[in-house]
Amino acid sequence: MKGVILAGGTGSRLYPCTKVTNKHLLPVYDKPMIYYPLKTIIEAGIKDILIVSGTGHAGDFVNLLGSGKEFGVRLSYEIQEESGGIAQALALAESFSDGETILVILGDNIFEDNIKNYTEKFFNRCKIFLKEVGIKAAKRFGVAVVKDDKVVYVEEKPLNPKSNLAMTGLYLFDSKIFDIIRQLKPSARGEFEITDVIDFYVRNNSCSYELIKGYWSDAGTFNSLNRASNLVKSKFYTEEDFWSDSEDFSELFKFPSKEDDYKALMEKLSELSKRQAQIIDYVLNNKYKWNQKI
């Protein structure tokens, strides 16, 4: 098995930071973002890894990571000349994969779990990794519906999600994926979608799944970049606050301001008091576990 990190895209949602560097080189807590997907692949026991990046600042990856010797792996690089979607970027890995199965991870996805057990036992044609989230939060991602050990339905960023199982940016594919990509047609936004690739496997009853148990976050916006840093910094911190049913995670923390009228002020104070009580309750309920860590 070989590994592929997809680190293309323009990073427009992180502008102006991405004006001077690739978004996958921005810091997540104390390391460049690209270190985290690289770590996920290395922990899975994979030694041959391809990084696919866009044209902007592509040389910075080589400057940072080199040949991979520092990490005990062999790194290769490919350039996606245009932004044509995740599936188009993955198509560039065909020669590199050389007929082997591949572990694919999006370069802005941060995972806590070690998935080596899943890669060693991968015999299916396709396996995706899912995370339970709030229904409203699910609108930000592709979602999957599962039955027994199979995925039976997938949809990209649905207005009315059929499940709360978000598709993370972590996938296992067999070598047939490149034939499937060649059959794809551009989506309404003019890109070749990874969800359409997965849907092909789903319709052929050959897509299985695993549920992510530890934390997971993308880091493609300022809010999610900050969230990812906080998760890495505090591994034992609950995810309930991050995956709540809010359209915007920043809405969880609305502090009073001098522009508020009396009603808004009281509502915000009430919400802050409620969240303070939740935090105290969480600390008390987990006191023993924290003492054990200390």
C-alpha atoms as a PDB file:
ATOM      1  CA  MET A   1       0.000   0.000   0.000  1.00  0.00           C
ATOM      2  CA  LYS A   2       1.080   3.551  -0.785  1.00  0.00           C
ATOM      3  CA  GLY A   3      -0.030   6.889   0.628  1.00  0.00           C
ATOM      4  CA  VAL A   4      -1.278  10.023  -1.102  1.00  0.00           C
ATOM      5  CA  ILE A   5      -1.683  13.464   0.479  1.00  0.00           C
ATOM      6  CA  LEU A   6      -3.810  15.879  -1.543  1.00  0.00           C
ATOM      7  CA  ALA A   7      -2.546  19.358  -0.746  1.00  0.00           C
ATOM      8  CA  GLY A   8      -3.778  21.407  -3.693  1.00  0.00           C
ATOM      9  CA  GLY A   9      -6.328  24.188  -3.881  1.00  0.00           C
ATOM     10  CA  THR A  10      -5.932  27.933  -3.621  1.00  0.00           C
ATOM     11  CA  GLY A  11      -6.738  28.298   0.079  1.00  0.00           C
ATOM     12  CA  SER A  12      -8.996  31.259  -0.690  1.00  0.00           C
ATOM     13  CA  ARG A  13     -10.893  30.903   2.599  1.00  0.00           C
ATOM     14  CA  LEU A  14      -7.629  31.530   4.463  1.00  0.00           C
ATOM     15  CA  TYR A  15      -6.661  34.643   2.508  1.00  0.00           C
ATOM     16  CA  PRO A  16      -4.537  36.772   3.028  1.00  0.00           C
ATOM     17  CA  CYS A  17      -2.411  34.186   4.892  1.00  0.00           C
ATOM     18  CA  THR A  18      -2.365  32.037   1.759  1.00  0.00           C
ATOM     19  CA  LYS A  19      -1.125  34.948  -0.307  1.00  0.00           C
ATOM     20  CA  VAL A  20       2.409  34.142   0.821  1.00  0.00           C
ATOM     21  CA  THR A  21       2.280  30.384   1.373  1.00  0.00           C
ATOM     22  CA  ASN A  22       0.285  27.223   0.680  1.00  0.00           C
ATOM     23  CA  LYS A  23      -2.473  26.709   3.263  1.00  0.00           C
ATOM     24  CA  HIS A  24      -1.109  23.251   4.114  1.00  0.00           C
ATOM     25  CA  LEU A  25       2.053  24.906   5.430  1.00  0.00           C
ATOM     26  CA  LEU A  26       0.195  27.137   7.884  1.00  0.00           C
ATOM     27  CA  PRO A  27       0.671  26.196  11.553  1.00  0.00           C
ATOM     28  CA  VAL A  28      -1.753  23.940  13.395  1.00  0.00           C
ATOM     29  CA  TYR A  29      -0.721  24.471  17.001  1.00  0.00           C
ATOM     30  CA  ASP A  30       3.051  23.788  16.945  1.00  0.00           C
ATOM     31  CA  LYS A  31       3.572  22.136  13.532  1.00  0.00           C
ATOM     32  CA  PRO A  32       2.901  22.884   9.856  1.00  0.00           C
ATOM     33  CA  MET A  33      -0.514  21.532   8.813  1.00  0.00           C
ATOM     34  CA  ILE A  34       1.013  19.030   6.366  1.00  0.00           C
ATOM     35  CA  TYR A  35       2.782  17.241   9.245  1.00  0.00           C
ATOM     36  CA  TYR A  36      -0.508  15.861  10.570  1.00  0.00           C
ATOM     37  CA  PRO A  37      -1.729  13.948   7.484  1.00  0.00           C
ATOM     38  CA  LEU A  38       1.866  12.823   6.986  1.00  0.00           C
ATOM     39  CA  LYS A  39       1.878  11.475  10.541  1.00  0.00           C
ATOM     40  CA  THR A  40      -1.412   9.634   9.940  1.00  0.00           C
ATOM     41  CA  ILE A  41       0.045   7.856   6.914  1.00  0.00           C
ATOM     42  CA  ILE A  42       3.379   7.064   8.599  1.00  0.00           C
ATOM     43  CA  GLU A  43       1.616   5.608  11.659  1.00  0.00           C
ATOM     44  CA  ALA A  44      -0.322   3.356   9.269  1.00  0.00           C
ATOM     45  CA  GLY A  45       3.015   1.772   8.344  1.00  0.00           C
ATOM     46  CA  ILE A  46       3.246   3.233   4.831  1.00  0.00           C
ATOM     47  CA  LYS A  47       6.680   4.207   3.514  1.00  0.00           C
ATOM     48  CA  ASP A  48       6.008   5.485  -0.028  1.00  0.00           C
ATOM     49  CA  ILE A  49       4.053   8.741  -0.002  1.00  0.00           C
ATOM     50  CA  LEU A  50       3.045  11.154  -2.761  1.00  0.00           C
ATOM     51  CA  ILE A  51       2.175  14.789  -2.081  1.00  0.00           C
ATOM     52  CA  VAL A  52       0.005  16.452  -4.724  1.00  0.00           C
ATOM     53  CA  SER A  53       0.053  20.253  -4.495  1.00  0.00           C
ATOM     54  CA  GLY A  54      -1.040  23.192  -6.600  1.00  0.00           C
ATOM     55  CA  THR A  55       1.346  25.398  -8.533  1.00  0.00           C
ATOM     56  CA  GLY A  56       1.504  28.143  -5.910  1.00  0.00           C
ATOM     57  CA  HIS A  57       4.404  27.785  -3.456  1.00  0.00           C
ATOM     58  CA  ALA A  58       4.882  24.132  -4.498  1.00  0.00           C
ATOM     59  CA  GLY A  59       8.620  24.332  -3.874  1.00  0.00           C
ATOM     60  CA  ASP A  60       7.999  25.137  -0.221  1.00  0.00           C
ATOM     61  CA  PHE A  61       6.907  21.521   0.377  1.00  0.00           C
ATOM     62  CA  VAL A  62      10.258  20.266  -0.872  1.00  0.00           C
ATOM     63  CA  ASN A  63      12.095  22.830   1.244  1.00  0.00           C
ATOM     64  CA  LEU A  64      10.189  21.690   4.327  1.00  0.00           C
ATOM     65  CA  LEU A  65       9.963  17.925   3.827  1.00  0.00           C
ATOM     66  CA  GLY A  66      12.754  17.086   1.388  1.00  0.00           C
ATOM     67  CA  SER A  67      13.049  13.447   0.381  1.00  0.00           C
ATOM     68  CA  GLY A  68      11.280  12.234   3.519  1.00  0.00           C
ATOM     69  CA  LYS A  69      14.453  10.804   5.033  1.00  0.00           C
ATOM     70  CA  GLU A  70      13.900  12.806   8.226  1.00  0.00           C
ATOM     71  CA  PHE A  71      10.594  10.939   8.706  1.00  0.00           C
ATOM     72  CA  GLY A  72      11.838   7.522   7.617  1.00  0.00           C
ATOM     73  CA  VAL A  73       9.789   7.510   4.400  1.00  0.00           C
ATOM     74  CA  ARG A  74      10.183   8.180   0.675  1.00  0.00           C
ATOM     75  CA  LEU A  75       8.388  11.288  -0.541  1.00  0.00           C
ATOM     76  CA  SER A  76       7.401  12.051  -4.119  1.00  0.00           C
ATOM     77  CA  TYR A  77       5.722  15.173  -5.469  1.00  0.00           C
ATOM     78  CA  GLU A  78       3.185  15.987  -8.207  1.00  0.00           C
ATOM     79  CA  ILE A  79       1.742  19.329  -9.321  1.00  0.00           C
ATOM     80  CA  GLN A  80      -1.949  19.874 -10.039  1.00  0.00           C
ATOM     81  CA  GLU A  81      -1.819  22.514 -12.767  1.00  0.00           C
ATOM     82  CA  GLU A  82      -5.420  23.647 -12.302  1.00  0.00           C
ATOM     83  CA  SER A  83      -8.075  23.426  -9.608  1.00  0.00           C
ATOM     84  CA  GLY A  84     -10.278  20.664 -10.992  1.00  0.00           C
ATOM     85  CA  GLY A  85     -11.390  18.973  -7.796  1.00  0.00           C
ATOM     86  CA  ILE A  86     -10.149  16.283  -5.442  1.00  0.00           C
ATOM     87  CA  ALA A  87     -10.703  13.433  -7.893  1.00  0.00           C
ATOM     88  CA  GLN A  88      -8.700  15.223 -10.580  1.00  0.00           C
ATOM     89  CA  ALA A  89      -5.828  15.696  -8.135  1.00  0.00           C
ATOM     90  CA  LEU A  90      -5.986  12.040  -7.152  1.00  0.00           C
ATOM     91  CA  ALA A  91      -5.773  10.993 -10.811  1.00  0.00           C
ATOM     92  CA  LEU A  92      -2.204  12.325 -10.804  1.00  0.00           C
ATOM     93  CA  ALA A  93      -1.247   9.493  -8.440  1.00  0.00           C
ATOM     94  CA  GLU A  94      -1.911   6.700 -10.950  1.00  0.00           C
ATOM     95  CA  SER A  95       1.708   6.167 -12.041  1.00  0.00           C
ATOM     96  CA  PHE A  96       2.918   6.503  -8.472  1.00  0.00           C
ATOM     97  CA  SER A  97       0.469   3.893  -7.152  1.00  0.00           C
ATOM     98  CA  ASP A  98       1.733   1.333  -9.702  1.00  0.00           C
ATOM     99  CA  GLY A  99      -1.291  -0.932  -9.246  1.00  0.00           C
ATOM    100  CA  GLU A 100      -1.156  -0.997  -5.435  1.00  0.00           C
ATOM    101  CA  THR A 101      -3.915  -0.064  -3.016  1.00  0.00           C
ATOM    102  CA  ILE A 102      -3.689   3.512  -1.718  1.00  0.00           C
ATOM    103  CA  LEU A 103      -4.471   5.411   1.451  1.00  0.00           C
ATOM    104  CA  VAL A 104      -5.629   8.917   0.516  1.00  0.00           C
ATOM    105  CA  ILE A 105      -5.889  11.836   2.935  1.00  0.00           C
ATOM    106  CA  LEU A 106      -6.764  15.472   2.387  1.00  0.00           C
ATOM    107  CA  GLY A 107      -3.909  17.712   3.460  1.00  0.00           C
ATOM    108  CA  ASP A 108      -6.062  19.895   5.711  1.00  0.00           C
ATOM    109  CA  ASN A 109      -7.556  17.024   7.730  1.00  0.00           C
ATOM    110  CA  ILE A 110      -6.309  16.395  11.264  1.00  0.00           C
ATOM    111  CA  PHE A 111      -6.927  12.985  12.891  1.00  0.00           C
ATOM    112  CA  GLU A 112      -6.190  11.617  16.331  1.00  0.00           C
ATOM    113  CA  ASP A 113      -6.804   7.938  15.502  1.00  0.00           C
ATOM    114  CA  ASN A 114      -4.101   5.505  14.456  1.00  0.00           C
ATOM    115  CA  ILE A 115      -5.599   3.615  11.498  1.00  0.00           C
ATOM    116  CA  LYS A 116      -2.893   0.981  11.009  1.00  0.00           C
ATOM    117  CA  ASN A 117      -5.276  -1.811  11.965  1.00  0.00           C
ATOM    118  CA  TYR A 118      -7.624  -0.784   9.140  1.00  0.00           C
ATOM    119  CA  THR A 119      -4.933  -0.487   6.471  1.00  0.00           C
ATOM    120  CA  GLU A 120      -3.489  -3.905   7.330  1.00  0.00           C
ATOM    121  CA  LYS A 121      -6.923  -5.519   6.971  1.00  0.00           C
ATOM    122  CA  PHE A 122      -8.044  -3.638   3.878  1.00  0.00           C
ATOM    123  CA  PHE A 123      -9.339  -6.092   1.291  1.00  0.00           C
ATOM    124  CA  ASN A 124     -12.402  -4.192   0.055  1.00  0.00           C
ATOM    125  CA  ARG A 125     -12.455  -2.074  -3.060  1.00  0.00           C
ATOM    126  CA  CYS A 126     -13.184   1.119  -1.108  1.00  0.00           C
ATOM    127  CA  LYS A 127     -13.334   2.117   2.559  1.00  0.00           C
ATOM    128  CA  ILE A 128     -14.267   5.552   3.868  1.00  0.00           C
ATOM    129  CA  PHE A 129     -13.875   6.977   7.373  1.00  0.00           C
ATOM    130  CA  LEU A 130     -16.901   8.604   8.990  1.00  0.00           C
ATOM    131  CA  LYS A 131     -17.419  10.836  12.009  1.00  0.00           C
ATOM    132  CA  GLU A 132     -20.636  11.453  13.909  1.00  0.00           C
ATOM    133  CA  VAL A 133     -21.487  15.167  13.942  1.00  0.00           C
ATOM    134  CA  GLY A 134     -24.546  17.342  14.577  1.00  0.00           C
ATOM    135  CA  ILE A 135     -27.134  17.351  11.780  1.00  0.00           C
ATOM    136  CA  LYS A 136     -26.594  21.048  11.066  1.00  0.00           C
ATOM    137  CA  ALA A 137     -22.832  20.585  11.076  1.00  0.00           C
ATOM    138  CA  ALA A 138     -23.288  17.730   8.591  1.00  0.00           C
ATOM    139  CA  LYS A 139     -24.364  20.278   5.962  1.00  0.00           C
ATOM    140  CA  ARG A 140     -20.723  21.372   5.703  1.00  0.00           C
ATOM    141  CA  PHE A 141     -19.544  17.944   4.587  1.00  0.00           C
ATOM    142  CA  GLY A 142     -20.418  14.967   2.461  1.00  0.00           C
ATOM    143  CA  VAL A 143     -22.608  12.541   4.428  1.00  0.00           C
ATOM    144  CA  ALA A 144     -23.095   8.781   4.267  1.00  0.00           C
ATOM    145  CA  VAL A 145     -25.938   6.429   5.100  1.00  0.00           C
ATOM    146  CA  VAL A 146     -24.819   2.979   6.243  1.00  0.00           C
ATOM    147  CA  LYS A 147     -26.456  -0.420   6.666  1.00  0.00           C
ATOM    148  CA  ASP A 148     -24.629  -3.195   8.476  1.00  0.00           C
ATOM    149  CA  ASP A 149     -21.014  -3.001   7.234  1.00  0.00           C
ATOM    150  CA  LYS A 150     -21.748  -1.213   3.938  1.00  0.00           C
ATOM    151  CA  VAL A 151     -22.274   2.358   2.802  1.00  0.00           C
ATOM    152  CA  VAL A 152     -25.579   2.546   0.925  1.00  0.00           C
ATOM    153  CA  TYR A 153     -25.816   6.260   0.112  1.00  0.00           C
ATOM    154  CA  VAL A 154     -23.528   9.300  -0.096  1.00  0.00           C
ATOM    155  CA  GLU A 155     -24.245  12.948  -0.791  1.00  0.00           C
ATOM    156  CA  GLU A 156     -22.068  16.074  -0.914  1.00  0.00           C
ATOM    157  CA  LYS A 157     -23.026  18.983   1.394  1.00  0.00           C
ATOM    158  CA  PRO A 158     -26.768  18.212   1.525  1.00  0.00           C
ATOM    159  CA  LEU A 159     -29.333  20.839   2.506  1.00  0.00           C
ATOM    160  CA  ASN A 160     -31.252  18.149   4.401  1.00  0.00           C
ATOM    161  CA  PRO A 161     -28.767  15.504   5.567  1.00  0.00           C
ATOM    162  CA  LYS A 162     -30.065  11.920   5.621  1.00  0.00           C
ATOM    163  CA  SER A 163     -27.641  11.078   8.412  1.00  0.00           C
ATOM    164  CA  ASN A 164     -25.196  12.674  10.826  1.00  0.00           C
ATOM    165  CA  LEU A 165     -22.250  10.624   9.543  1.00  0.00           C
ATOM    166  CA  ALA A 166     -19.836  13.062   7.924  1.00  0.00           C
ATOM    167  CA  MET A 167     -17.332  11.760   5.402  1.00  0.00           C
ATOM    168  CA  THR A 168     -13.882  12.743   6.562  1.00  0.00           C
ATOM    169  CA  GLY A 169     -11.003  13.358   4.174  1.00  0.00           C
ATOM    170  CA  LEU A 170      -9.544   9.876   4.661  1.00  0.00           C
ATOM    171  CA  TYR A 171     -10.083   7.019   2.191  1.00  0.00           C
ATOM    172  CA  LEU A 172      -8.777   3.603   1.144  1.00  0.00           C
ATOM    173  CA  PHE A 173      -9.034   2.636  -2.530  1.00  0.00           C
ATOM    174  CA  ASP A 174      -8.028  -0.212  -4.787  1.00  0.00           C
ATOM    175  CA  SER A 175      -6.262   0.378  -8.101  1.00  0.00           C
ATOM    176  CA  LYS A 176      -9.580   0.489 -10.006  1.00  0.00           C
ATOM    177  CA  ILE A 177     -10.195   4.015  -8.755  1.00  0.00           C
ATOM    178  CA  PHE A 178      -8.282   5.527 -11.667  1.00  0.00           C
ATOM    179  CA  ASP A 179     -10.562   3.817 -14.175  1.00  0.00           C
ATOM    180  CA  ILE A 180     -13.525   5.240 -12.276  1.00  0.00           C
ATOM    181  CA  ILE A 181     -12.094   8.771 -12.298  1.00  0.00           C
ATOM    182  CA  ARG A 182     -11.698   8.583 -16.077  1.00  0.00           C
ATOM    183  CA  GLN A 183     -15.454   7.961 -16.355  1.00  0.00           C
ATOM    184  CA  LEU A 184     -16.446  10.982 -14.259  1.00  0.00           C
ATOM    185  CA  LYS A 185     -18.100  14.101 -15.585  1.00  0.00           C
ATOM    186  CA  PRO A 186     -17.577  17.525 -13.979  1.00  0.00           C
ATOM    187  CA  SER A 187     -20.076  18.498 -11.302  1.00  0.00           C
ATOM    188  CA  ALA A 188     -22.252  21.619 -11.389  1.00  0.00           C
ATOM    189  CA  ARG A 189     -19.307  23.616 -10.047  1.00  0.00           C
ATOM    190  CA  GLY A 190     -17.041  22.304 -12.821  1.00  0.00           C
ATOM    191  CA  GLU A 191     -14.962  19.933 -10.692  1.00  0.00           C
ATOM    192  CA  PHE A 192     -14.386  16.184 -10.503  1.00  0.00           C
ATOM    193  CA  GLU A 193     -15.798  15.230  -7.111  1.00  0.00           C
ATOM    194  CA  ILE A 194     -14.443  12.545  -4.792  1.00  0.00           C
ATOM    195  CA  THR A 195     -18.040  11.931  -3.647  1.00  0.00           C
ATOM    196  CA  ASP A 196     -18.902  10.811  -7.192  1.00  0.00           C
ATOM    197  CA  VAL A 197     -16.020   8.334  -7.057  1.00  0.00           C
ATOM    198  CA  ILE A 198     -17.265   6.930  -3.748  1.00  0.00           C
ATOM    199  CA  ASP A 199     -20.823   6.801  -5.103  1.00  0.00           C
ATOM    200  CA  PHE A 200     -19.611   4.503  -7.905  1.00  0.00           C
ATOM    201  CA  TYR A 201     -18.334   2.021  -5.309  1.00  0.00           C
ATOM    202  CA  VAL A 202     -21.528   2.430  -3.268  1.00  0.00           C
ATOM    203  CA  ARG A 203     -23.733   1.607  -6.258  1.00  0.00           C
ATOM    204  CA  ASN A 204     -21.649  -1.515  -6.816  1.00  0.00           C
ATOM    205  CA  ASN A 205     -22.031  -2.588  -3.179  1.00  0.00           C
ATOM    206  CA  SER A 206     -18.286  -2.363  -2.641  1.00  0.00           C
ATOM    207  CA  CYS A 207     -17.851   0.514  -0.186  1.00  0.00           C
ATOM    208  CA  SER A 208     -17.286  -0.230   3.497  1.00  0.00           C
ATOM    209  CA  TYR A 209     -16.625   2.203   6.340  1.00  0.00           C
ATOM    210  CA  GLU A 210     -15.067   2.793   9.739  1.00  0.00           C
ATOM    211  CA  LEU A 211     -16.131   5.265  12.414  1.00  0.00           C
ATOM    212  CA  ILE A 212     -13.491   7.684  13.677  1.00  0.00           C
ATOM    213  CA  LYS A 213     -13.313   7.446  17.463  1.00  0.00           C
ATOM    214  CA  GLY A 214     -10.824  10.218  18.284  1.00  0.00           C
ATOM    215  CA  TYR A 215     -10.998  13.845  17.269  1.00  0.00           C
ATOM    216  CA  TRP A 216     -11.133  14.976  13.665  1.00  0.00           C
ATOM    217  CA  SER A 217     -11.130  18.434  12.139  1.00  0.00           C
ATOM    218  CA  ASP A 218     -10.535  20.012   8.806  1.00  0.00           C
ATOM    219  CA  ALA A 219      -8.490  23.205   8.836  1.00  0.00           C
ATOM    220  CA  GLY A 220      -9.615  25.010   5.698  1.00  0.00           C
ATOM    221  CA  THR A 221     -11.151  28.084   7.335  1.00  0.00           C
ATOM    222  CA  PHE A 222      -9.954  30.367  10.112  1.00  0.00           C
ATOM    223  CA  ASN A 223     -12.511  28.913  12.528  1.00  0.00           C
ATOM    224  CA  SER A 224     -11.639  25.294  11.739  1.00  0.00           C
ATOM    225  CA  LEU A 225      -7.913  26.081  11.727  1.00  0.00           C
ATOM    226  CA  ASN A 226      -8.269  27.453  15.243  1.00  0.00           C
ATOM    227  CA  ARG A 227     -10.403  24.479  16.261  1.00  0.00           C
ATOM    228  CA  ALA A 228      -7.827  22.013  14.927  1.00  0.00           C
ATOM    229  CA  SER A 229      -5.078  23.762  16.906  1.00  0.00           C
ATOM    230  CA  ASN A 230      -7.146  23.577  20.084  1.00  0.00           C
ATOM    231  CA  LEU A 231      -7.878  19.874  19.564  1.00  0.00           C
ATOM    232  CA  VAL A 232      -4.208  19.067  19.042  1.00  0.00           C
ATOM    233  CA  LYS A 233      -3.256  21.122  22.088  1.00  0.00           C
ATOM    234  CA  SER A 234      -5.836  19.547  24.390  1.00  0.00           C
ATOM    235  CA  LYS A 235      -6.423  15.945  23.337  1.00  0.00           C
ATOM    236  CA  PHE A 236      -8.683  15.210  26.283  1.00  0.00           C
ATOM    237  CA  TYR A 237     -10.939  18.197  25.603  1.00  0.00           C
ATOM    238  CA  THR A 238     -14.519  17.228  24.696  1.00  0.00           C
ATOM    239  CA  GLU A 239     -15.598  17.550  21.077  1.00  0.00           C
ATOM    240  CA  GLU A 240     -19.228  18.230  21.988  1.00  0.00           C
ATOM    241  CA  ASP A 241     -18.675  21.970  21.793  1.00  0.00           C
ATOM    242  CA  PHE A 242     -17.061  21.709  18.376  1.00  0.00           C
ATOM    243  CA  TRP A 243     -19.608  19.393  16.729  1.00  0.00           C
ATOM    244  CA  SER A 244     -22.757  21.009  18.066  1.00  0.00           C
ATOM    245  CA  ASP A 245     -25.761  21.930  15.949  1.00  0.00           C
ATOM    246  CA  SER A 246     -24.555  25.393  14.999  1.00  0.00           C
ATOM    247  CA  GLU A 247     -24.294  26.791  11.500  1.00  0.00           C
ATOM    248  CA  ASP A 248     -21.128  28.594  12.520  1.00  0.00           C
ATOM    249  CA  PHE A 249     -18.902  27.339  15.341  1.00  0.00           C
ATOM    250  CA  SER A 250     -18.067  30.914  16.301  1.00  0.00           C
ATOM    251  CA  GLU A 251     -21.723  31.374  17.257  1.00  0.00           C
ATOM    252  CA  LEU A 252     -21.052  29.238  20.329  1.00  0.00           C
ATOM    253  CA  PHE A 253     -19.106  32.095  21.883  1.00  0.00           C
ATOM    254  CA  LYS A 254     -21.086  35.315  21.633  1.00  0.00           C
ATOM    255  CA  PHE A 255     -19.841  37.679  24.308  1.00  0.00           C
ATOM    256  CA  PRO A 256     -21.783  40.772  25.440  1.00  0.00           C
ATOM    257  CA  SER A 257     -20.800  44.080  23.867  1.00  0.00           C
ATOM    258  CA  LYS A 258     -21.695  47.718  24.433  1.00  0.00           C
ATOM    259  CA  GLU A 259     -23.798  47.701  21.261  1.00  0.00           C
ATOM    260  CA  ASP A 260     -26.247  45.136  22.718  1.00  0.00           C
ATOM    261  CA  ASP A 261     -29.704  46.178  23.856  1.00  0.00           C
ATOM    262  CA  TYR A 262     -31.054  44.883  27.160  1.00  0.00           C
ATOM    263  CA  LYS A 263     -32.685  41.770  25.666  1.00  0.00           C
ATOM    264  CA  ALA A 264     -29.573  40.724  23.716  1.00  0.00           C
ATOM    265  CA  LEU A 265     -27.383  41.373  26.762  1.00  0.00           C
ATOM    266  CA  MET A 266     -29.495  39.132  28.998  1.00  0.00           C
ATOM    267  CA  GLU A 267     -29.652  36.371  26.384  1.00  0.00           C
ATOM    268  CA  LYS A 268     -25.866  36.332  26.019  1.00  0.00           C
ATOM    269  CA  LEU A 269     -25.296  36.389  29.774  1.00  0.00           C
ATOM    270  CA  SER A 270     -27.757  33.529  30.166  1.00  0.00           C
ATOM    271  CA  GLU A 271     -25.988  31.497  27.491  1.00  0.00           C
ATOM    272  CA  LEU A 272     -22.577  32.170  29.024  1.00  0.00           C
ATOM    273  CA  SER A 273     -23.856  31.082  32.441  1.00  0.00           C
ATOM    274  CA  LYS A 274     -25.280  27.899  30.971  1.00  0.00           C
ATOM    275  CA  ARG A 275     -22.031  27.049  29.202  1.00  0.00           C
ATOM    276  CA  GLN A 276     -20.059  27.827  32.350  1.00  0.00           C
ATOM    277  CA  ALA A 277     -22.227  25.318  34.233  1.00  0.00           C
ATOM    278  CA  GLN A 278     -21.659  22.737  31.506  1.00  0.00           C
ATOM    279  CA  ILE A 279     -17.897  23.193  31.721  1.00  0.00           C
ATOM    280  CA  ILE A 280     -17.898  22.888  35.529  1.00  0.00           C
ATOM    281  CA  ASP A 281     -20.034  19.757  35.275  1.00  0.00           C
ATOM    282  CA  TYR A 282     -17.656  18.293  32.686  1.00  0.00           C
ATOM    283  CA  VAL A 283     -14.595  19.035  34.848  1.00  0.00           C
ATOM    284  CA  LEU A 284     -16.177  17.460  37.933  1.00  0.00           C
ATOM    285  CA  ASN A 285     -17.314  14.358  36.043  1.00  0.00           C
ATOM    286  CA  ASN A 286     -13.847  13.877  34.536  1.00  0.00           C
ATOM    287  CA  LYS A 287     -11.786  14.845  37.573  1.00  0.00           C
ATOM    288  CA  TYR A 288     -10.595  11.288  38.203  1.00  0.00           C
ATOM    289  CA  LYS A 289      -9.560  10.792  34.584  1.00  0.00           C
ATOM    290  CA  TRP A 290      -7.629  14.059  34.580  1.00  0.00           C
ATOM    291  CA  ASN A 291      -5.885  13.221  37.847  1.00  0.00           C
ATOM    292  CA  GLN A 292      -4.781   9.949  36.282  1.00  0.00           C
ATOM    293  CA  LYS A 293      -3.306  11.846  33.316  1.00  0.00           C
ATOM    294  CA  ILE A 294      -1.456  14.228  35.632  1.00  0.00           C
END
